[in-house]
């Protein structure tokens, strides 16, 4: 796209942006809660997410890696209270990020 971010509307899922932001954070996936048009929630809770791509492009992720991240986000959305699923995804995120470090020390 011409923009590095997009919004996800969660109204029809009956979950809040802050809940998803916090749960994805537990699995080492960083997103931000964000208001969506006609949001019934307050700006402190929200009904949406803002997802940006700079961190994944900086790491060098390509289509396959981005597809994995998108799948993990969907898995979390379907299992917000499943600690085993959150742990599984966190481990997969760590493994993927180890393959694509942001910084490699010289020496």
PDB file of N, CA and C in Angstrom:
ATOM      1  N   UNK A   1       0.839  -1.183   0.000  1.00  0.00           N
ATOM      2  CA  UNK A   1       0.000   0.000   0.000  1.00  0.00           C
ATOM      3  C   UNK A   1       0.877   1.238   0.000  1.00  0.00           C
ATOM      4  N   UNK A   2       0.252   2.380  -0.127  1.00  0.00           N
ATOM      5  CA  UNK A   2       0.974   3.639  -0.058  1.00  0.00           C
ATOM      6  C   UNK A   2       1.152   4.089   1.381  1.00  0.00           C
ATOM      7  N   UNK A   3       0.564   3.357   2.307  1.00  0.00           N
ATOM      8  CA  UNK A   3       0.630   3.714   3.713  1.00  0.00           C
ATOM      9  C   UNK A   3       1.168   2.526   4.486  1.00  0.00           C
ATOM     10  N   UNK A   4       1.873   2.784   5.559  1.00  0.00           N
ATOM     11  CA  UNK A   4       2.488   1.715   6.346  1.00  0.00           C
ATOM     12  C   UNK A   4       1.615   1.240   7.502  1.00  0.00           C
ATOM     13  N   UNK A   5       0.382   1.689   7.553  1.00  0.00           N
ATOM     14  CA  UNK A   5      -0.482   1.251   8.647  1.00  0.00           C
ATOM     15  C   UNK A   5      -1.906   1.053   8.158  1.00  0.00           C
ATOM     16  N   UNK A   6      -2.649   0.271   8.929  1.00  0.00           N
ATOM     17  CA  UNK A   6      -4.058   0.074   8.628  1.00  0.00           C
ATOM     18  C   UNK A   6      -4.810  -0.151   9.929  1.00  0.00           C
ATOM     19  N   UNK A   7      -6.127   0.063   9.877  1.00  0.00           N
ATOM     20  CA  UNK A   7      -6.987  -0.113  11.043  1.00  0.00           C
ATOM     21  C   UNK A   7      -7.807  -1.383  10.899  1.00  0.00           C
ATOM     22  N   UNK A   8      -8.024  -2.033  12.034  1.00  0.00           N
ATOM     23  CA  UNK A   8      -8.869  -3.221  12.085  1.00  0.00           C
ATOM     24  C   UNK A   8     -10.045  -2.900  12.998  1.00  0.00           C
ATOM     25  N   UNK A   9     -11.248  -3.032  12.477  1.00  0.00           N
ATOM     26  CA  UNK A   9     -12.470  -2.774  13.231  1.00  0.00           C
ATOM     27  C   UNK A   9     -12.896  -4.061  13.931  1.00  0.00           C
ATOM     28  N   UNK A  10     -12.987  -4.013  15.254  1.00  0.00           N
ATOM     29  CA  UNK A  10     -13.334  -5.188  16.061  1.00  0.00           C
ATOM     30  C   UNK A  10     -14.771  -5.161  16.576  1.00  0.00           C
ATOM     31  N   UNK A  11     -15.564  -4.184  16.168  1.00  0.00           N
ATOM     32  CA  UNK A  11     -16.908  -4.026  16.711  1.00  0.00           C
ATOM     33  C   UNK A  11     -17.714  -5.319  16.567  1.00  0.00           C
ATOM     34  N   UNK A  12     -17.675  -5.921  15.386  1.00  0.00           N
ATOM     35  CA  UNK A  12     -18.498  -7.123  15.164  1.00  0.00           C
ATOM     36  C   UNK A  12     -17.984  -8.346  15.918  1.00  0.00           C
ATOM     37  N   UNK A  13     -16.765  -8.299  16.459  1.00  0.00           N
ATOM     38  CA  UNK A  13     -16.231  -9.414  17.242  1.00  0.00           C
ATOM     39  C   UNK A  13     -16.597  -9.292  18.716  1.00  0.00           C
ATOM     40  N   UNK A  14     -17.082  -8.109  19.127  1.00  0.00           N
ATOM     41  CA  UNK A  14     -17.477  -7.923  20.513  1.00  0.00           C
ATOM     42  C   UNK A  14     -16.315  -7.873  21.481  1.00  0.00           C
ATOM     43  N   UNK A  15     -15.150  -7.479  20.985  1.00  0.00           N
ATOM     44  CA  UNK A  15     -13.965  -7.338  21.843  1.00  0.00           C
ATOM     45  C   UNK A  15     -13.395  -5.940  21.675  1.00  0.00           C
ATOM     46  N   UNK A  16     -12.635  -5.495  22.641  1.00  0.00           N
ATOM     47  CA  UNK A  16     -12.124  -4.130  22.609  1.00  0.00           C
ATOM     48  C   UNK A  16     -10.676  -4.082  22.127  1.00  0.00           C
ATOM     49  N   UNK A  17     -10.320  -2.918  21.629  1.00  0.00           N
ATOM     50  CA  UNK A  17      -8.953  -2.701  21.183  1.00  0.00           C
ATOM     51  C   UNK A  17      -7.945  -2.870  22.297  1.00  0.00           C
ATOM     52  N   UNK A  18      -8.267  -2.361  23.473  1.00  0.00           N
ATOM     53  CA  UNK A  18      -7.307  -2.459  24.575  1.00  0.00           C
ATOM     54  C   UNK A  18      -7.084  -3.916  24.983  1.00  0.00           C
ATOM     55  N   UNK A  19      -8.132  -4.734  24.964  1.00  0.00           N
ATOM     56  CA  UNK A  19      -7.986  -6.151  25.306  1.00  0.00           C
ATOM     57  C   UNK A  19      -7.080  -6.856  24.307  1.00  0.00           C
ATOM     58  N   UNK A  20      -7.295  -6.603  23.031  1.00  0.00           N
ATOM     59  CA  UNK A  20      -6.482  -7.246  22.003  1.00  0.00           C
ATOM     60  C   UNK A  20      -5.045  -6.724  22.052  1.00  0.00           C
ATOM     61  N   UNK A  21      -4.881  -5.419  22.234  1.00  0.00           N
ATOM     62  CA  UNK A  21      -3.543  -4.844  22.336  1.00  0.00           C
ATOM     63  C   UNK A  21      -2.755  -5.514  23.458  1.00  0.00           C
ATOM     64  N   UNK A  22      -3.371  -5.653  24.615  1.00  0.00           N
ATOM     65  CA  UNK A  22      -2.686  -6.251  25.764  1.00  0.00           C
ATOM     66  C   UNK A  22      -2.402  -7.731  25.545  1.00  0.00           C
ATOM     67  N   UNK A  23      -3.339  -8.455  24.966  1.00  0.00           N
ATOM     68  CA  UNK A  23      -3.148  -9.885  24.758  1.00  0.00           C
ATOM     69  C   UNK A  23      -2.103 -10.154  23.687  1.00  0.00           C
ATOM     70  N   UNK A  24      -2.139  -9.402  22.597  1.00  0.00           N
ATOM     71  CA  UNK A  24      -1.098  -9.557  21.586  1.00  0.00           C
ATOM     72  C   UNK A  24       0.264  -9.187  22.159  1.00  0.00           C
ATOM     73  N   UNK A  25       0.300  -8.200  23.035  1.00  0.00           N
ATOM     74  CA  UNK A  25       1.556  -7.822  23.682  1.00  0.00           C
ATOM     75  C   UNK A  25       2.153  -8.963  24.476  1.00  0.00           C
ATOM     76  N   UNK A  26       1.303  -9.775  25.105  1.00  0.00           N
ATOM     77  CA  UNK A  26       1.793 -10.943  25.846  1.00  0.00           C
ATOM     78  C   UNK A  26       2.477 -11.944  24.927  1.00  0.00           C
ATOM     79  N   UNK A  27       2.105 -11.939  23.663  1.00  0.00           N
ATOM     80  CA  UNK A  27       2.715 -12.860  22.705  1.00  0.00           C
ATOM     81  C   UNK A  27       3.793 -12.170  21.857  1.00  0.00           C
ATOM     82  N   UNK A  28       4.225 -10.998  22.299  1.00  0.00           N
ATOM     83  CA  UNK A  28       5.298 -10.228  21.646  1.00  0.00           C
ATOM     84  C   UNK A  28       4.923  -9.685  20.273  1.00  0.00           C
ATOM     85  N   UNK A  29       3.638  -9.467  20.053  1.00  0.00           N
ATOM     86  CA  UNK A  29       3.177  -8.793  18.842  1.00  0.00           C
ATOM     87  C   UNK A  29       2.656  -7.432  19.286  1.00  0.00           C
ATOM     88  N   UNK A  30       3.271  -6.379  18.764  1.00  0.00           N
ATOM     89  CA  UNK A  30       2.937  -5.024  19.187  1.00  0.00           C
ATOM     90  C   UNK A  30       1.993  -4.365  18.192  1.00  0.00           C
ATOM     91  N   UNK A  31       0.840  -3.957  18.690  1.00  0.00           N
ATOM     92  CA  UNK A  31      -0.146  -3.173  17.940  1.00  0.00           C
ATOM     93  C   UNK A  31      -0.637  -2.080  18.887  1.00  0.00           C
ATOM     94  N   UNK A  32      -1.442  -1.191  18.380  1.00  0.00           N
ATOM     95  CA  UNK A  32      -2.012  -0.132  19.213  1.00  0.00           C
ATOM     96  C   UNK A  32      -3.524  -0.157  19.111  1.00  0.00           C
ATOM     97  N   UNK A  33      -4.185   0.034  20.259  1.00  0.00           N
ATOM     98  CA  UNK A  33      -5.639   0.219  20.213  1.00  0.00           C
ATOM     99  C   UNK A  33      -5.896   1.518  19.463  1.00  0.00           C
ATOM    100  N   UNK A  34      -7.025   1.583  18.784  1.00  0.00           N
ATOM    101  CA  UNK A  34      -7.331   2.776  18.007  1.00  0.00           C
ATOM    102  C   UNK A  34      -8.833   2.874  17.817  1.00  0.00           C
ATOM    103  N   UNK A  35      -9.350   4.075  17.883  1.00  0.00           N
ATOM    104  CA  UNK A  35     -10.767   4.287  17.609  1.00  0.00           C
ATOM    105  C   UNK A  35     -11.040   4.023  16.132  1.00  0.00           C
ATOM    106  N   UNK A  36     -12.244   3.573  15.854  1.00  0.00           N
ATOM    107  CA  UNK A  36     -12.694   3.362  14.487  1.00  0.00           C
ATOM    108  C   UNK A  36     -13.894   4.275  14.247  1.00  0.00           C
ATOM    109  N   UNK A  37     -14.293   4.489  12.993  1.00  0.00           N
ATOM    110  CA  UNK A  37     -15.457   5.341  12.748  1.00  0.00           C
ATOM    111  C   UNK A  37     -16.690   4.848  13.514  1.00  0.00           C
ATOM    112  N   UNK A  38     -17.393   5.776  14.123  1.00  0.00           N
ATOM    113  CA  UNK A  38     -18.597   5.483  14.908  1.00  0.00           C
ATOM    114  C   UNK A  38     -18.327   4.525  16.065  1.00  0.00           C
ATOM    115  N   UNK A  39     -17.177   4.654  16.654  1.00  0.00           N
ATOM    116  CA  UNK A  39     -16.753   3.758  17.736  1.00  0.00           C
ATOM    117  C   UNK A  39     -17.662   3.912  18.955  1.00  0.00           C
ATOM    118  N   UNK A  40     -18.266   2.814  19.437  1.00  0.00           N
ATOM    119  CA  UNK A  40     -19.113   2.902  20.623  1.00  0.00           C
ATOM    120  C   UNK A  40     -18.303   2.954  21.927  1.00  0.00           C
ATOM    121  N   UNK A  41     -17.023   2.628  21.861  1.00  0.00           N
ATOM    122  CA  UNK A  41     -16.168   2.636  23.040  1.00  0.00           C
ATOM    123  C   UNK A  41     -15.496   4.005  23.212  1.00  0.00           C
ATOM    124  N   UNK A  42     -14.999   4.261  24.412  1.00  0.00           N
ATOM    125  CA  UNK A  42     -14.253   5.501  24.645  1.00  0.00           C
ATOM    126  C   UNK A  42     -12.887   5.415  23.959  1.00  0.00           C
ATOM    127  N   UNK A  43     -12.236   6.533  23.838  1.00  0.00           N
ATOM    128  CA  UNK A  43     -10.913   6.539  23.205  1.00  0.00           C
ATOM    129  C   UNK A  43      -9.865   5.851  24.067  1.00  0.00           C
ATOM    130  N   UNK A  44     -10.195   5.559  25.312  1.00  0.00           N
ATOM    131  CA  UNK A  44      -9.279   4.855  26.197  1.00  0.00           C
ATOM    132  C   UNK A  44      -9.448   3.341  26.082  1.00  0.00           C
ATOM    133  N   UNK A  45     -10.563   2.902  25.532  1.00  0.00           N
ATOM    134  CA  UNK A  45     -10.857   1.469  25.376  1.00  0.00           C
ATOM    135  C   UNK A  45     -10.768   1.082  23.898  1.00  0.00           C
ATOM    136  N   UNK A  46     -11.467   1.739  23.050  1.00  0.00           N
ATOM    137  CA  UNK A  46     -11.554   1.608  21.590  1.00  0.00           C
ATOM    138  C   UNK A  46     -12.153   0.295  21.123  1.00  0.00           C
ATOM    139  N   UNK A  47     -12.542   0.302  19.868  1.00  0.00           N
ATOM    140  CA  UNK A  47     -13.070  -0.893  19.212  1.00  0.00           C
ATOM    141  C   UNK A  47     -12.208  -1.285  18.027  1.00  0.00           C
ATOM    142  N   UNK A  48     -10.984  -0.808  17.998  1.00  0.00           N
ATOM    143  CA  UNK A  48     -10.137  -1.119  16.860  1.00  0.00           C
ATOM    144  C   UNK A  48      -8.675  -1.228  17.211  1.00  0.00           C
ATOM    145  N   UNK A  49      -7.923  -1.645  16.205  1.00  0.00           N
ATOM    146  CA  UNK A  49      -6.464  -1.763  16.307  1.00  0.00           C
ATOM    147  C   UNK A  49      -5.824  -0.990  15.172  1.00  0.00           C
ATOM    148  N   UNK A  50      -4.660  -0.439  15.453  1.00  0.00           N
ATOM    149  CA  UNK A  50      -3.824   0.162  14.416  1.00  0.00           C
ATOM    150  C   UNK A  50      -2.612  -0.738  14.276  1.00  0.00           C
ATOM    151  N   UNK A  51      -2.403  -1.237  13.078  1.00  0.00           N
ATOM    152  CA  UNK A  51      -1.279  -2.130  12.810  1.00  0.00           C
ATOM    153  C   UNK A  51      -0.373  -1.449  11.792  1.00  0.00           C
ATOM    154  N   UNK A  52       0.899  -1.368  12.126  1.00  0.00           N
ATOM    155  CA  UNK A  52       1.881  -0.754  11.236  1.00  0.00           C
ATOM    156  C   UNK A  52       2.918  -1.762  10.783  1.00  0.00           C
ATOM    157  N   UNK A  53       3.572  -1.465   9.678  1.00  0.00           N
ATOM    158  CA  UNK A  53       4.535  -2.401   9.108  1.00  0.00           C
ATOM    159  C   UNK A  53       6.001  -2.011   9.235  1.00  0.00           C
ATOM    160  N   UNK A  54       6.377  -0.833   9.749  1.00  0.00           N
ATOM    161  CA  UNK A  54       7.800  -0.490   9.771  1.00  0.00           C
ATOM    162  C   UNK A  54       8.691  -1.502  10.497  1.00  0.00           C
ATOM    163  N   UNK A  55       8.245  -2.044  11.611  1.00  0.00           N
ATOM    164  CA  UNK A  55       9.088  -2.978  12.359  1.00  0.00           C
ATOM    165  C   UNK A  55       9.342  -4.261  11.571  1.00  0.00           C
ATOM    166  N   UNK A  56       8.324  -4.754  10.884  1.00  0.00           N
ATOM    167  CA  UNK A  56       8.531  -6.003  10.152  1.00  0.00           C
ATOM    168  C   UNK A  56       9.353  -5.783   8.879  1.00  0.00           C
ATOM    169  N   UNK A  57       9.205  -4.625   8.240  1.00  0.00           N
ATOM    170  CA  UNK A  57      10.027  -4.369   7.064  1.00  0.00           C
ATOM    171  C   UNK A  57      11.470  -4.084   7.465  1.00  0.00           C
ATOM    172  N   UNK A  58      11.669  -3.457   8.608  1.00  0.00           N
ATOM    173  CA  UNK A  58      13.028  -3.227   9.103  1.00  0.00           C
ATOM    174  C   UNK A  58      13.727  -4.561   9.347  1.00  0.00           C
ATOM    175  N   UNK A  59      13.003  -5.531   9.845  1.00  0.00           N
ATOM    176  CA  UNK A  59      13.564  -6.862  10.093  1.00  0.00           C
ATOM    177  C   UNK A  59      13.811  -7.626   8.795  1.00  0.00           C
ATOM    178  N   UNK A  60      13.161  -7.224   7.727  1.00  0.00           N
ATOM    179  CA  UNK A  60      13.326  -7.919   6.458  1.00  0.00           C
ATOM    180  C   UNK A  60      12.282  -8.988   6.194  1.00  0.00           C
ATOM    181  N   UNK A  61      11.169  -8.943   6.902  1.00  0.00           N
ATOM    182  CA  UNK A  61      10.103  -9.907   6.656  1.00  0.00           C
ATOM    183  C   UNK A  61       9.606  -9.764   5.226  1.00  0.00           C
ATOM    184  N   UNK A  62       9.306 -10.895   4.613  1.00  0.00           N
ATOM    185  CA  UNK A  62       8.684 -10.929   3.288  1.00  0.00           C
ATOM    186  C   UNK A  62       7.280 -11.498   3.446  1.00  0.00           C
ATOM    187  N   UNK A  63       6.658 -11.862   2.335  1.00  0.00           N
ATOM    188  CA  UNK A  63       5.265 -12.301   2.352  1.00  0.00           C
ATOM    189  C   UNK A  63       5.018 -13.477   3.297  1.00  0.00           C
ATOM    190  N   UNK A  64       5.895 -14.467   3.291  1.00  0.00           N
ATOM    191  CA  UNK A  64       5.685 -15.655   4.129  1.00  0.00           C
ATOM    192  C   UNK A  64       5.686 -15.300   5.610  1.00  0.00           C
ATOM    193  N   UNK A  65       6.612 -14.449   6.025  1.00  0.00           N
ATOM    194  CA  UNK A  65       6.698 -14.061   7.432  1.00  0.00           C
ATOM    195  C   UNK A  65       5.505 -13.198   7.845  1.00  0.00           C
ATOM    196  N   UNK A  66       5.097 -12.291   6.967  1.00  0.00           N
ATOM    197  CA  UNK A  66       3.941 -11.437   7.261  1.00  0.00           C
ATOM    198  C   UNK A  66       2.678 -12.288   7.340  1.00  0.00           C
ATOM    199  N   UNK A  67       2.576 -13.287   6.498  1.00  0.00           N
ATOM    200  CA  UNK A  67       1.436 -14.203   6.551  1.00  0.00           C
ATOM    201  C   UNK A  67       1.404 -14.934   7.896  1.00  0.00           C
ATOM    202  N   UNK A  68       2.566 -15.344   8.395  1.00  0.00           N
ATOM    203  CA  UNK A  68       2.633 -15.978   9.722  1.00  0.00           C
ATOM    204  C   UNK A  68       2.135 -15.033  10.807  1.00  0.00           C
ATOM    205  N   UNK A  69       2.605 -13.789  10.775  1.00  0.00           N
ATOM    206  CA  UNK A  69       2.187 -12.811  11.786  1.00  0.00           C
ATOM    207  C   UNK A  69       0.682 -12.592  11.724  1.00  0.00           C
ATOM    208  N   UNK A  70       0.144 -12.452  10.522  1.00  0.00           N
ATOM    209  CA  UNK A  70      -1.305 -12.265  10.371  1.00  0.00           C
ATOM    210  C   UNK A  70      -2.068 -13.468  10.934  1.00  0.00           C
ATOM    211  N   UNK A  71      -1.577 -14.668  10.672  1.00  0.00           N
ATOM    212  CA  UNK A  71      -2.224 -15.875  11.214  1.00  0.00           C
ATOM    213  C   UNK A  71      -2.175 -15.891  12.726  1.00  0.00           C
ATOM    214  N   UNK A  72      -1.046 -15.493  13.297  1.00  0.00           N
ATOM    215  CA  UNK A  72      -0.920 -15.467  14.752  1.00  0.00           C
ATOM    216  C   UNK A  72      -1.882 -14.452  15.367  1.00  0.00           C
ATOM    217  N   UNK A  73      -2.032 -13.306  14.717  1.00  0.00           N
ATOM    218  CA  UNK A  73      -2.985 -12.304  15.209  1.00  0.00           C
ATOM    219  C   UNK A  73      -4.394 -12.894  15.196  1.00  0.00           C
ATOM    220  N   UNK A  74      -4.760 -13.558  14.118  1.00  0.00           N
ATOM    221  CA  UNK A  74      -6.090 -14.189  14.047  1.00  0.00           C
ATOM    222  C   UNK A  74      -6.243 -15.261  15.117  1.00  0.00           C
ATOM    223  N   UNK A  75      -5.199 -16.057  15.338  1.00  0.00           N
ATOM    224  CA  UNK A  75      -5.259 -17.094  16.373  1.00  0.00           C
ATOM    225  C   UNK A  75      -5.496 -16.480  17.745  1.00  0.00           C
ATOM    226  N   UNK A  76      -4.833 -15.366  18.022  1.00  0.00           N
ATOM    227  CA  UNK A  76      -5.023 -14.682  19.308  1.00  0.00           C
ATOM    228  C   UNK A  76      -6.443 -14.137  19.414  1.00  0.00           C
ATOM    229  N   UNK A  77      -6.953 -13.541  18.334  1.00  0.00           N
ATOM    230  CA  UNK A  77      -8.313 -13.003  18.356  1.00  0.00           C
ATOM    231  C   UNK A  77      -9.336 -14.087  18.677  1.00  0.00           C
ATOM    232  N   UNK A  78      -9.072 -15.300  18.250  1.00  0.00           N
ATOM    233  CA  UNK A  78      -9.994 -16.403  18.502  1.00  0.00           C
ATOM    234  C   UNK A  78      -9.756 -17.081  19.845  1.00  0.00           C
ATOM    235  N   UNK A  79      -8.650 -16.746  20.521  1.00  0.00           N
ATOM    236  CA  UNK A  79      -8.269 -17.421  21.763  1.00  0.00           C
ATOM    237  C   UNK A  79      -7.728 -16.444  22.798  1.00  0.00           C
ATOM    238  N   UNK A  80      -8.437 -15.340  23.014  1.00  0.00           N
ATOM    239  CA  UNK A  80      -7.933 -14.268  23.873  1.00  0.00           C
ATOM    240  C   UNK A  80      -7.603 -14.705  25.295  1.00  0.00           C
ATOM    241  N   UNK A  81      -8.236 -15.724  25.791  1.00  0.00           N
ATOM    242  CA  UNK A  81      -8.007 -16.133  27.173  1.00  0.00           C
ATOM    243  C   UNK A  81      -7.266 -17.457  27.280  1.00  0.00           C
ATOM    244  N   UNK A  82      -6.779 -17.970  26.169  1.00  0.00           N
ATOM    245  CA  UNK A  82      -6.089 -19.258  26.156  1.00  0.00           C
ATOM    246  C   UNK A  82      -4.586 -19.034  26.333  1.00  0.00           C
ATOM    247  N   UNK A  83      -4.111 -19.172  27.563  1.00  0.00           N
ATOM    248  CA  UNK A  83      -2.700 -18.913  27.869  1.00  0.00           C
ATOM    249  C   UNK A  83      -1.767 -19.855  27.115  1.00  0.00           C
ATOM    250  N   UNK A  84      -2.193 -21.099  26.865  1.00  0.00           N
ATOM    251  CA  UNK A  84      -1.356 -22.036  26.110  1.00  0.00           C
ATOM    252  C   UNK A  84      -1.142 -21.558  24.683  1.00  0.00           C
ATOM    253  N   UNK A  85      -2.203 -21.035  24.077  1.00  0.00           N
ATOM    254  CA  UNK A  85      -2.106 -20.510  22.712  1.00  0.00           C
ATOM    255  C   UNK A  85      -1.235 -19.251  22.683  1.00  0.00           C
ATOM    256  N   UNK A  86      -1.401 -18.395  23.665  1.00  0.00           N
ATOM    257  CA  UNK A  86      -0.581 -17.177  23.751  1.00  0.00           C
ATOM    258  C   UNK A  86       0.890 -17.560  23.904  1.00  0.00           C
ATOM    259  N   UNK A  87       1.181 -18.535  24.754  1.00  0.00           N
ATOM    260  CA  UNK A  87       2.564 -19.000  24.938  1.00  0.00           C
ATOM    261  C   UNK A  87       3.128 -19.603  23.660  1.00  0.00           C
ATOM    262  N   UNK A  88       2.324 -20.413  22.972  1.00  0.00           N
ATOM    263  CA  UNK A  88       2.771 -21.033  21.717  1.00  0.00           C
ATOM    264  C   UNK A  88       3.150 -19.956  20.701  1.00  0.00           C
ATOM    265  N   UNK A  89       2.291 -18.964  20.565  1.00  0.00           N
ATOM    266  CA  UNK A  89       2.545 -17.903  19.594  1.00  0.00           C
ATOM    267  C   UNK A  89       3.748 -17.073  20.015  1.00  0.00           C
ATOM    268  N   UNK A  90       3.870 -16.769  21.307  1.00  0.00           N
ATOM    269  CA  UNK A  90       5.033 -16.010  21.775  1.00  0.00           C
ATOM    270  C   UNK A  90       6.322 -16.730  21.383  1.00  0.00           C
ATOM    271  N   UNK A  91       6.369 -18.042  21.567  1.00  0.00           N
ATOM    272  CA  UNK A  91       7.563 -18.811  21.199  1.00  0.00           C
ATOM    273  C   UNK A  91       7.824 -18.767  19.702  1.00  0.00           C
ATOM    274  N   UNK A  92       6.774 -18.840  18.902  1.00  0.00           N
ATOM    275  CA  UNK A  92       6.945 -18.755  17.448  1.00  0.00           C
ATOM    276  C   UNK A  92       7.415 -17.359  17.035  1.00  0.00           C
ATOM    277  N   UNK A  93       6.889 -16.324  17.685  1.00  0.00           N
ATOM    278  CA  UNK A  93       7.317 -14.947  17.396  1.00  0.00           C
ATOM    279  C   UNK A  93       8.802 -14.787  17.738  1.00  0.00           C
ATOM    280  N   UNK A  94       9.204 -15.287  18.893  1.00  0.00           N
ATOM    281  CA  UNK A  94      10.612 -15.194  19.301  1.00  0.00           C
ATOM    282  C   UNK A  94      11.500 -15.908  18.289  1.00  0.00           C
ATOM    283  N   UNK A  95      11.117 -17.114  17.874  1.00  0.00           N
ATOM    284  CA  UNK A  95      11.909 -17.854  16.884  1.00  0.00           C
ATOM    285  C   UNK A  95      12.029 -17.096  15.574  1.00  0.00           C
ATOM    286  N   UNK A  96      10.914 -16.523  15.115  1.00  0.00           N
ATOM    287  CA  UNK A  96      10.948 -15.768  13.867  1.00  0.00           C
ATOM    288  C   UNK A  96      11.828 -14.530  14.002  1.00  0.00           C
ATOM    289  N   UNK A  97      11.675 -13.806  15.100  1.00  0.00           N
ATOM    290  CA  UNK A  97      12.463 -12.584  15.285  1.00  0.00           C
ATOM    291  C   UNK A  97      13.955 -12.892  15.422  1.00  0.00           C
ATOM    292  N   UNK A  98      14.291 -14.043  15.990  1.00  0.00           N
ATOM    293  CA  UNK A  98      15.703 -14.440  16.068  1.00  0.00           C
ATOM    294  C   UNK A  98      16.302 -14.681  14.688  1.00  0.00           C
ATOM    295  N   UNK A  99      15.464 -15.080  13.737  1.00  0.00           N
ATOM    296  CA  UNK A  99      15.927 -15.288  12.362  1.00  0.00           C
ATOM    297  C   UNK A  99      16.121 -13.966  11.609  1.00  0.00           C
ATOM    298  N   UNK A 100      15.447 -12.907  12.097  1.00  0.00           N
ATOM    299  CA  UNK A 100      15.470 -11.602  11.447  1.00  0.00           C
ATOM    300  C   UNK A 100      15.791 -10.520  12.466  1.00  0.00           C
ATOM    301  N   UNK A 101      17.029 -10.507  12.985  1.00  0.00           N
ATOM    302  CA  UNK A 101      17.348  -9.514  14.030  1.00  0.00           C
ATOM    303  C   UNK A 101      17.330  -8.082  13.491  1.00  0.00           C
ATOM    304  N   UNK A 102      16.953  -7.156  14.348  1.00  0.00           N
ATOM    305  CA  UNK A 102      16.947  -5.739  13.993  1.00  0.00           C
ATOM    306  C   UNK A 102      18.385  -5.226  13.960  1.00  0.00           C
ATOM    307  N   UNK A 103      19.185  -5.744  14.862  1.00  0.00           N
ATOM    308  CA  UNK A 103      20.550  -5.248  15.012  1.00  0.00           C
ATOM    309  C   UNK A 103      21.478  -6.425  15.199  1.00  0.00           C
ATOM    310  N   UNK A 104      22.543  -6.441  14.433  1.00  0.00           N
ATOM    311  CA  UNK A 104      23.566  -7.461  14.581  1.00  0.00           C
ATOM    312  C   UNK A 104      24.866  -6.767  14.986  1.00  0.00           C
ATOM    313  N   UNK A 105      25.338  -7.035  16.199  1.00  0.00           N
ATOM    314  CA  UNK A 105      26.566  -6.367  16.643  1.00  0.00           C
ATOM    315  C   UNK A 105      27.756  -6.763  15.789  1.00  0.00           C
ATOM    316  N   UNK A 106      28.636  -5.798  15.557  1.00  0.00           N
ATOM    317  CA  UNK A 106      29.866  -6.062  14.816  1.00  0.00           C
ATOM    318  C   UNK A 106      30.927  -6.526  15.804  1.00  0.00           C
ATOM    319  N   UNK A 107      31.779  -7.390  15.337  1.00  0.00           N
ATOM    320  CA  UNK A 107      32.846  -7.780  16.239  1.00  0.00           C
ATOM    321  C   UNK A 107      33.297  -9.129  16.112  1.00  0.00           C
TER     322      UNK A 107
END
